[in-house]
Amino acid sequence: MEYKFASTEELLEFLNGELLSGAEAASILEISTARLGQLVKDGKLVVAKEQPKMFLKSMLLEKKDELELLRKKYRPYE
């Protein structure tokens, strides 16, 4: 996916809306920060910025849908 911005303000608005911290990412995915780290280590989730770890919201929402399907499949009792 390619992004183009007309101004610095537009870029900053995009970044403020799309970049999430590790804690925010874990909260959205409804997992612990340790599990988030394991997903990154296993290559199942891509980090947008390494230090501090930042994630793109759109990628997290895709991963959240995937995790919800897996939870339904492997944890039907919940």
PDB file of N, CA and C in Angstrom:
ATOM      1  N   MET A   1       0.842  -1.169   0.000  1.00  0.00           N
ATOM      2  CA  MET A   1       0.000   0.000   0.000  1.00  0.00           C
ATOM      3  C   MET A   1       0.889   1.235   0.000  1.00  0.00           C
ATOM      4  N   GLU A   2       0.564   2.185  -0.848  1.00  0.00           N
ATOM      5  CA  GLU A   2       1.364   3.397  -0.961  1.00  0.00           C
ATOM      6  C   GLU A   2       0.536   4.589  -0.504  1.00  0.00           C
ATOM      7  N   TYR A   3       1.163   5.452   0.272  1.00  0.00           N
ATOM      8  CA  TYR A   3       0.489   6.633   0.793  1.00  0.00           C
ATOM      9  C   TYR A   3       1.168   7.880   0.255  1.00  0.00           C
ATOM     10  N   LYS A   4       0.376   8.896  -0.048  1.00  0.00           N
ATOM     11  CA  LYS A   4       0.911  10.193  -0.480  1.00  0.00           C
ATOM     12  C   LYS A   4       0.209  11.269   0.314  1.00  0.00           C
ATOM     13  N   PHE A   5       0.982  12.257   0.737  1.00  0.00           N
ATOM     14  CA  PHE A   5       0.445  13.322   1.567  1.00  0.00           C
ATOM     15  C   PHE A   5       0.758  14.668   0.937  1.00  0.00           C
ATOM     16  N   ALA A   6      -0.228  15.550   0.970  1.00  0.00           N
ATOM     17  CA  ALA A   6      -0.080  16.871   0.377  1.00  0.00           C
ATOM     18  C   ALA A   6       0.694  17.823   1.278  1.00  0.00           C
ATOM     19  N   SER A   7       0.721  17.548   2.564  1.00  0.00           N
ATOM     20  CA  SER A   7       1.403  18.453   3.490  1.00  0.00           C
ATOM     21  C   SER A   7       1.906  17.683   4.701  1.00  0.00           C
ATOM     22  N   THR A   8       2.771  18.320   5.453  1.00  0.00           N
ATOM     23  CA  THR A   8       3.280  17.736   6.688  1.00  0.00           C
ATOM     24  C   THR A   8       2.139  17.536   7.674  1.00  0.00           C
ATOM     25  N   GLU A   9       1.218  18.489   7.719  1.00  0.00           N
ATOM     26  CA  GLU A   9       0.076  18.384   8.623  1.00  0.00           C
ATOM     27  C   GLU A   9      -0.757  17.144   8.304  1.00  0.00           C
ATOM     28  N   GLU A  10      -0.942  16.873   7.019  1.00  0.00           N
ATOM     29  CA  GLU A  10      -1.695  15.687   6.591  1.00  0.00           C
ATOM     30  C   GLU A  10      -0.983  14.410   7.019  1.00  0.00           C
ATOM     31  N   LEU A  11       0.335  14.397   6.873  1.00  0.00           N
ATOM     32  CA  LEU A  11       1.133  13.250   7.293  1.00  0.00           C
ATOM     33  C   LEU A  11       1.023  13.047   8.803  1.00  0.00           C
ATOM     34  N   LEU A  12       1.155  14.106   9.580  1.00  0.00           N
ATOM     35  CA  LEU A  12       1.069  14.007  11.033  1.00  0.00           C
ATOM     36  C   LEU A  12      -0.307  13.537  11.482  1.00  0.00           C
ATOM     37  N   GLU A  13      -1.340  13.997  10.818  1.00  0.00           N
ATOM     38  CA  GLU A  13      -2.697  13.550  11.142  1.00  0.00           C
ATOM     39  C   GLU A  13      -2.834  12.050  10.894  1.00  0.00           C
ATOM     40  N   PHE A  14      -2.287  11.593   9.780  1.00  0.00           N
ATOM     41  CA  PHE A  14      -2.312  10.167   9.454  1.00  0.00           C
ATOM     42  C   PHE A  14      -1.563   9.359  10.511  1.00  0.00           C
ATOM     43  N   LEU A  15      -0.362   9.795  10.856  1.00  0.00           N
ATOM     44  CA  LEU A  15       0.451   9.069  11.831  1.00  0.00           C
ATOM     45  C   LEU A  15      -0.212   9.035  13.198  1.00  0.00           C
ATOM     46  N   ASN A  16      -0.795  10.129  13.619  1.00  0.00           N
ATOM     47  CA  ASN A  16      -1.477  10.170  14.916  1.00  0.00           C
ATOM     48  C   ASN A  16      -2.680   9.245  14.948  1.00  0.00           C
ATOM     49  N   GLY A  17      -3.329   9.043  13.824  1.00  0.00           N
ATOM     50  CA  GLY A  17      -4.494   8.167  13.769  1.00  0.00           C
ATOM     51  C   GLY A  17      -4.151   6.709  13.542  1.00  0.00           C
ATOM     52  N   GLU A  18      -2.996   6.449  12.932  1.00  0.00           N
ATOM     53  CA  GLU A  18      -2.658   5.084  12.515  1.00  0.00           C
ATOM     54  C   GLU A  18      -1.595   4.388  13.344  1.00  0.00           C
ATOM     55  N   LEU A  19      -0.669   5.111  13.940  1.00  0.00           N
ATOM     56  CA  LEU A  19       0.397   4.461  14.705  1.00  0.00           C
ATOM     57  C   LEU A  19      -0.047   4.220  16.133  1.00  0.00           C
ATOM     58  N   LEU A  20       0.116   3.005  16.602  1.00  0.00           N
ATOM     59  CA  LEU A  20      -0.284   2.631  17.946  1.00  0.00           C
ATOM     60  C   LEU A  20       0.897   2.023  18.695  1.00  0.00           C
ATOM     61  N   SER A  21       0.935   2.257  19.981  1.00  0.00           N
ATOM     62  CA  SER A  21       1.995   1.689  20.814  1.00  0.00           C
ATOM     63  C   SER A  21       1.745   0.198  21.027  1.00  0.00           C
ATOM     64  N   GLY A  22       2.723  -0.470  21.599  1.00  0.00           N
ATOM     65  CA  GLY A  22       2.567  -1.886  21.904  1.00  0.00           C
ATOM     66  C   GLY A  22       1.415  -2.145  22.856  1.00  0.00           C
ATOM     67  N   ALA A  23       1.283  -1.296  23.875  1.00  0.00           N
ATOM     68  CA  ALA A  23       0.187  -1.460  24.845  1.00  0.00           C
ATOM     69  C   ALA A  23      -1.171  -1.267  24.174  1.00  0.00           C
ATOM     70  N   GLU A  24      -1.274  -0.258  23.301  1.00  0.00           N
ATOM     71  CA  GLU A  24      -2.527  -0.028  22.574  1.00  0.00           C
ATOM     72  C   GLU A  24      -2.832  -1.200  21.645  1.00  0.00           C
ATOM     73  N   ALA A  25      -1.780  -1.714  20.992  1.00  0.00           N
ATOM     74  CA  ALA A  25      -1.953  -2.846  20.085  1.00  0.00           C
ATOM     75  C   ALA A  25      -2.446  -4.072  20.844  1.00  0.00           C
ATOM     76  N   ALA A  26      -1.852  -4.354  21.983  1.00  0.00           N
ATOM     77  CA  ALA A  26      -2.266  -5.497  22.793  1.00  0.00           C
ATOM     78  C   ALA A  26      -3.714  -5.335  23.241  1.00  0.00           C
ATOM     79  N   SER A  27      -4.091  -4.131  23.595  1.00  0.00           N
ATOM     80  CA  SER A  27      -5.463  -3.856  24.024  1.00  0.00           C
ATOM     81  C   SER A  27      -6.453  -4.107  22.891  1.00  0.00           C
ATOM     82  N   ILE A  28      -6.147  -3.629  21.700  1.00  0.00           N
ATOM     83  CA  ILE A  28      -7.034  -3.840  20.545  1.00  0.00           C
ATOM     84  C   ILE A  28      -7.173  -5.319  20.233  1.00  0.00           C
ATOM     85  N   LEU A  29      -6.059  -6.044  20.289  1.00  0.00           N
ATOM     86  CA  LEU A  29      -6.073  -7.470  19.965  1.00  0.00           C
ATOM     87  C   LEU A  29      -6.587  -8.330  21.116  1.00  0.00           C
ATOM     88  N   GLU A  30      -6.763  -7.704  22.277  1.00  0.00           N
ATOM     89  CA  GLU A  30      -7.225  -8.401  23.476  1.00  0.00           C
ATOM     90  C   GLU A  30      -6.276  -9.535  23.875  1.00  0.00           C
ATOM     91  N   ILE A  31      -4.982  -9.196  23.873  1.00  0.00           N
ATOM     92  CA  ILE A  31      -3.939 -10.137  24.257  1.00  0.00           C
ATOM     93  C   ILE A  31      -2.969  -9.424  25.195  1.00  0.00           C
ATOM     94  N   SER A  32      -2.083 -10.173  25.819  1.00  0.00           N
ATOM     95  CA  SER A  32      -1.079  -9.570  26.687  1.00  0.00           C
ATOM     96  C   SER A  32       0.053  -8.985  25.837  1.00  0.00           C
ATOM     97  N   THR A  33       0.841  -8.105  26.444  1.00  0.00           N
ATOM     98  CA  THR A  33       1.975  -7.546  25.716  1.00  0.00           C
ATOM     99  C   THR A  33       3.022  -8.631  25.439  1.00  0.00           C
ATOM    100  N   ALA A  34       3.094  -9.636  26.320  1.00  0.00           N
ATOM    101  CA  ALA A  34       4.012 -10.762  26.080  1.00  0.00           C
ATOM    102  C   ALA A  34       3.588 -11.531  24.828  1.00  0.00           C
ATOM    103  N   ARG A  35       2.287 -11.768  24.678  1.00  0.00           N
ATOM    104  CA  ARG A  35       1.776 -12.467  23.492  1.00  0.00           C
ATOM    105  C   ARG A  35       2.010 -11.625  22.238  1.00  0.00           C
ATOM    106  N   LEU A  36       1.870 -10.315  22.367  1.00  0.00           N
ATOM    107  CA  LEU A  36       2.128  -9.409  21.248  1.00  0.00           C
ATOM    108  C   LEU A  36       3.578  -9.555  20.797  1.00  0.00           C
ATOM    109  N   GLY A  37       4.491  -9.575  21.766  1.00  0.00           N
ATOM    110  CA  GLY A  37       5.910  -9.765  21.453  1.00  0.00           C
ATOM    111  C   GLY A  37       6.171 -11.089  20.750  1.00  0.00           C
ATOM    112  N   GLN A  38       5.452 -12.123  21.159  1.00  0.00           N
ATOM    113  CA  GLN A  38       5.619 -13.437  20.530  1.00  0.00           C
ATOM    114  C   GLN A  38       5.113 -13.412  19.090  1.00  0.00           C
ATOM    115  N   LEU A  39       4.005 -12.728  18.840  1.00  0.00           N
ATOM    116  CA  LEU A  39       3.490 -12.606  17.466  1.00  0.00           C
ATOM    117  C   LEU A  39       4.504 -11.895  16.576  1.00  0.00           C
ATOM    118  N   VAL A  40       5.149 -10.853  17.117  1.00  0.00           N
ATOM    119  CA  VAL A  40       6.174 -10.131  16.358  1.00  0.00           C
ATOM    120  C   VAL A  40       7.371 -11.044  16.113  1.00  0.00           C
ATOM    121  N   LYS A  41       7.831 -11.727  17.159  1.00  0.00           N
ATOM    122  CA  LYS A  41       8.995 -12.626  17.046  1.00  0.00           C
ATOM    123  C   LYS A  41       8.747 -13.734  16.029  1.00  0.00           C
ATOM    124  N   ASP A  42       7.512 -14.257  16.001  1.00  0.00           N
ATOM    125  CA  ASP A  42       7.158 -15.330  15.067  1.00  0.00           C
ATOM    126  C   ASP A  42       6.888 -14.835  13.653  1.00  0.00           C
ATOM    127  N   GLY A  43       6.919 -13.523  13.445  1.00  0.00           N
ATOM    128  CA  GLY A  43       6.680 -12.956  12.118  1.00  0.00           C
ATOM    129  C   GLY A  43       5.206 -12.904  11.746  1.00  0.00           C
ATOM    130  N   LYS A  44       4.326 -13.054  12.708  1.00  0.00           N
ATOM    131  CA  LYS A  44       2.888 -13.036  12.434  1.00  0.00           C
ATOM    132  C   LYS A  44       2.305 -11.629  12.513  1.00  0.00           C
ATOM    133  N   LEU A  45       3.096 -10.688  13.002  1.00  0.00           N
ATOM    134  CA  LEU A  45       2.679  -9.294  13.095  1.00  0.00           C
ATOM    135  C   LEU A  45       3.894  -8.427  12.799  1.00  0.00           C
ATOM    136  N   VAL A  46       3.732  -7.479  11.907  1.00  0.00           N
ATOM    137  CA  VAL A  46       4.842  -6.635  11.477  1.00  0.00           C
ATOM    138  C   VAL A  46       4.856  -5.345  12.292  1.00  0.00           C
ATOM    139  N   VAL A  47       6.040  -4.961  12.730  1.00  0.00           N
ATOM    140  CA  VAL A  47       6.238  -3.730  13.489  1.00  0.00           C
ATOM    141  C   VAL A  47       6.490  -2.601  12.493  1.00  0.00           C
ATOM    142  N   ALA A  48       5.789  -1.472  12.666  1.00  0.00           N
ATOM    143  CA  ALA A  48       5.992  -0.317  11.787  1.00  0.00           C
ATOM    144  C   ALA A  48       7.250   0.457  12.201  1.00  0.00           C
ATOM    145  N   LYS A  49       7.515   0.495  13.503  1.00  0.00           N
ATOM    146  CA  LYS A  49       8.707   1.161  14.036  1.00  0.00           C
ATOM    147  C   LYS A  49       9.223   0.302  15.178  1.00  0.00           C
ATOM    148  N   GLU A  50      10.518   0.061  15.202  1.00  0.00           N
ATOM    149  CA  GLU A  50      11.090  -0.892  16.147  1.00  0.00           C
ATOM    150  C   GLU A  50      11.222  -0.353  17.575  1.00  0.00           C
ATOM    151  N   GLN A  51      11.787   0.831  17.775  1.00  0.00           N
ATOM    152  CA  GLN A  51      12.004   1.344  19.134  1.00  0.00           C
ATOM    153  C   GLN A  51      11.451   2.740  19.285  1.00  0.00           C
ATOM    154  N   PRO A  52      10.466   2.995  20.070  1.00  0.00           N
ATOM    155  CA  PRO A  52       9.631   1.970  20.696  1.00  0.00           C
ATOM    156  C   PRO A  52       8.746   1.313  19.647  1.00  0.00           C
ATOM    157  N   LYS A  53       8.323   0.118  19.932  1.00  0.00           N
ATOM    158  CA  LYS A  53       7.523  -0.627  18.961  1.00  0.00           C
ATOM    159  C   LYS A  53       6.227   0.116  18.681  1.00  0.00           C
ATOM    160  N   MET A  54       5.955   0.313  17.387  1.00  0.00           N
ATOM    161  CA  MET A  54       4.732   0.970  16.946  1.00  0.00           C
ATOM    162  C   MET A  54       4.111   0.106  15.852  1.00  0.00           C
ATOM    163  N   PHE A  55       2.801   0.104  15.816  1.00  0.00           N
ATOM    164  CA  PHE A  55       2.069  -0.747  14.870  1.00  0.00           C
ATOM    165  C   PHE A  55       1.069   0.082  14.086  1.00  0.00           C
ATOM    166  N   LEU A  56       0.808  -0.315  12.838  1.00  0.00           N
ATOM    167  CA  LEU A  56      -0.221   0.338  12.037  1.00  0.00           C
ATOM    168  C   LEU A  56      -1.586  -0.203  12.432  1.00  0.00           C
ATOM    169  N   LYS A  57      -2.500   0.692  12.691  1.00  0.00           N
ATOM    170  CA  LYS A  57      -3.840   0.331  13.140  1.00  0.00           C
ATOM    171  C   LYS A  57      -4.537  -0.600  12.144  1.00  0.00           C
ATOM    172  N   SER A  58      -4.413  -0.310  10.856  1.00  0.00           N
ATOM    173  CA  SER A  58      -5.083  -1.127   9.835  1.00  0.00           C
ATOM    174  C   SER A  58      -4.594  -2.577   9.871  1.00  0.00           C
ATOM    175  N   MET A  59      -3.301  -2.775  10.098  1.00  0.00           N
ATOM    176  CA  MET A  59      -2.762  -4.137  10.183  1.00  0.00           C
ATOM    177  C   MET A  59      -3.259  -4.838  11.439  1.00  0.00           C
ATOM    178  N   LEU A  60      -3.370  -4.076  12.536  1.00  0.00           N
ATOM    179  CA  LEU A  60      -3.864  -4.655  13.784  1.00  0.00           C
ATOM    180  C   LEU A  60      -5.314  -5.101  13.663  1.00  0.00           C
ATOM    181  N   LEU A  61      -6.117  -4.310  12.981  1.00  0.00           N
ATOM    182  CA  LEU A  61      -7.527  -4.669  12.817  1.00  0.00           C
ATOM    183  C   LEU A  61      -7.680  -5.937  11.979  1.00  0.00           C
ATOM    184  N   GLU A  62      -6.813  -6.097  10.972  1.00  0.00           N
ATOM    185  CA  GLU A  62      -6.821  -7.341  10.180  1.00  0.00           C
ATOM    186  C   GLU A  62      -6.439  -8.527  11.066  1.00  0.00           C
ATOM    187  N   LYS A  63      -5.399  -8.357  11.879  1.00  0.00           N
ATOM    188  CA  LYS A  63      -4.939  -9.420  12.772  1.00  0.00           C
ATOM    189  C   LYS A  63      -6.011  -9.742  13.810  1.00  0.00           C
ATOM    190  N   LYS A  64      -6.721  -8.727  14.279  1.00  0.00           N
ATOM    191  CA  LYS A  64      -7.778  -8.942  15.272  1.00  0.00           C
ATOM    192  C   LYS A  64      -8.867  -9.855  14.701  1.00  0.00           C
ATOM    193  N   ASP A  65      -9.269  -9.611  13.461  1.00  0.00           N
ATOM    194  CA  ASP A  65     -10.271 -10.469  12.815  1.00  0.00           C
ATOM    195  C   ASP A  65      -9.776 -11.909  12.735  1.00  0.00           C
ATOM    196  N   GLU A  66      -8.505 -12.082  12.375  1.00  0.00           N
ATOM    197  CA  GLU A  66      -7.919 -13.415  12.279  1.00  0.00           C
ATOM    198  C   GLU A  66      -7.906 -14.110  13.642  1.00  0.00           C
ATOM    199  N   LEU A  67      -7.498 -13.381  14.681  1.00  0.00           N
ATOM    200  CA  LEU A  67      -7.444 -13.964  16.019  1.00  0.00           C
ATOM    201  C   LEU A  67      -8.838 -14.335  16.536  1.00  0.00           C
ATOM    202  N   GLU A  68      -9.834 -13.521  16.229  1.00  0.00           N
ATOM    203  CA  GLU A  68     -11.197 -13.828  16.666  1.00  0.00           C
ATOM    204  C   GLU A  68     -11.694 -15.122  16.023  1.00  0.00           C
ATOM    205  N   LEU A  69     -11.381 -15.326  14.740  1.00  0.00           N
ATOM    206  CA  LEU A  69     -11.763 -16.572  14.070  1.00  0.00           C
ATOM    207  C   LEU A  69     -11.070 -17.769  14.702  1.00  0.00           C
ATOM    208  N   LEU A  70      -9.795 -17.619  15.017  1.00  0.00           N
ATOM    209  CA  LEU A  70      -9.050 -18.710  15.640  1.00  0.00           C
ATOM    210  C   LEU A  70      -9.578 -19.018  17.035  1.00  0.00           C
ATOM    211  N   ARG A  71      -9.941 -17.974  17.781  1.00  0.00           N
ATOM    212  CA  ARG A  71     -10.506 -18.200  19.115  1.00  0.00           C
ATOM    213  C   ARG A  71     -11.814 -18.985  19.031  1.00  0.00           C
ATOM    214  N   LYS A  72     -12.656 -18.639  18.068  1.00  0.00           N
ATOM    215  CA  LYS A  72     -13.927 -19.349  17.896  1.00  0.00           C
ATOM    216  C   LYS A  72     -13.686 -20.809  17.527  1.00  0.00           C
ATOM    217  N   LYS A  73     -12.665 -21.043  16.720  1.00  0.00           N
ATOM    218  CA  LYS A  73     -12.370 -22.389  16.267  1.00  0.00           C
ATOM    219  C   LYS A  73     -11.774 -23.243  17.391  1.00  0.00           C
ATOM    220  N   TYR A  74     -10.810 -22.673  18.121  1.00  0.00           N
ATOM    221  CA  TYR A  74     -10.080 -23.476  19.106  1.00  0.00           C
ATOM    222  C   TYR A  74     -10.552 -23.289  20.543  1.00  0.00           C
ATOM    223  N   ARG A  75     -11.434 -22.330  20.783  1.00  0.00           N
ATOM    224  CA  ARG A  75     -11.994 -22.120  22.120  1.00  0.00           C
ATOM    225  C   ARG A  75     -13.509 -21.951  22.024  1.00  0.00           C
ATOM    226  N   PRO A  76     -14.210 -22.953  21.576  1.00  0.00           N
ATOM    227  CA  PRO A  76     -15.655 -22.817  21.380  1.00  0.00           C
ATOM    228  C   PRO A  76     -16.421 -22.639  22.690  1.00  0.00           C
ATOM    229  N   TYR A  77     -15.806 -22.949  23.813  1.00  0.00           N
ATOM    230  CA  TYR A  77     -16.452 -22.852  25.119  1.00  0.00           C
ATOM    231  C   TYR A  77     -16.546 -21.417  25.616  1.00  0.00           C
ATOM    232  N   GLU A  78     -15.822 -20.475  24.993  1.00  0.00           N
ATOM    233  CA  GLU A  78     -15.843 -19.067  25.456  1.00  0.00           C
ATOM    234  C   GLU A  78     -17.028 -18.318  24.908  1.00  0.00           C
TER     235      GLU A  78
END
